[in-house]
Amino acid sequence: MLSPYHGDDGGLLDDRRVRYGLVALVVLLIVLLMLLL
């Protein structure tokens, strides 16, 4: 409980990181489309 990054809940951090990565890619694509259009 002392270190949130060290334990059995590492999978949750990985899933959250992947989710934020996908959201960031979608946002970048939308911004690029708006700039081109």
Protein backbone atom coordinates (compact mmCIF):
# COMPACT_ATOMS: atom_id res chain seq x y z
CA MET A 1 0.00 0.00 0.00
CA LEU A 2 3.05 2.27 0.32
CA SER A 3 3.76 2.32 -3.43
CA PRO A 4 0.79 2.47 -5.84
CA TYR A 5 3.08 1.59 -8.79
CA HIS A 6 4.35 -1.64 -7.22
CA GLY A 7 1.84 -4.43 -6.73
CA ASP A 8 -0.83 -6.64 -8.33
CA ASP A 9 -2.74 -3.65 -9.75
CA GLY A 10 -0.18 -2.96 -12.49
CA GLY A 11 -2.68 -4.15 -15.11
CA LEU A 12 -5.04 -1.29 -14.28
CA LEU A 13 -2.27 1.26 -14.88
CA ASP A 14 -1.44 -0.39 -18.21
CA ASP A 15 -5.09 -0.37 -19.33
CA ARG A 16 -5.48 3.29 -18.30
CA ARG A 17 -2.27 4.20 -20.16
CA VAL A 18 -3.45 2.42 -23.32
CA ARG A 19 -6.87 4.12 -23.04
CA TYR A 20 -5.29 7.58 -22.73
CA GLY A 21 -3.03 6.77 -25.68
CA LEU A 22 -6.00 5.89 -27.90
CA VAL A 23 -7.85 9.05 -26.84
CA ALA A 24 -4.77 11.15 -27.60
CA LEU A 25 -4.50 9.63 -31.09
CA VAL A 26 -8.17 10.35 -31.81
CA VAL A 27 -7.81 13.96 -30.63
CA LEU A 28 -4.71 14.45 -32.80
CA LEU A 29 -6.53 13.07 -35.84
CA ILE A 30 -9.50 15.40 -35.25
CA VAL A 31 -7.20 18.43 -34.88
CA LEU A 32 -5.34 17.52 -38.09
CA LEU A 33 -8.62 17.14 -39.99
CA MET A 34 -9.86 20.52 -38.72
CA LEU A 35 -6.58 22.19 -39.75
CA LEU A 36 -6.71 20.62 -43.23
CA LEU A 37 -10.38 21.49 -43.70
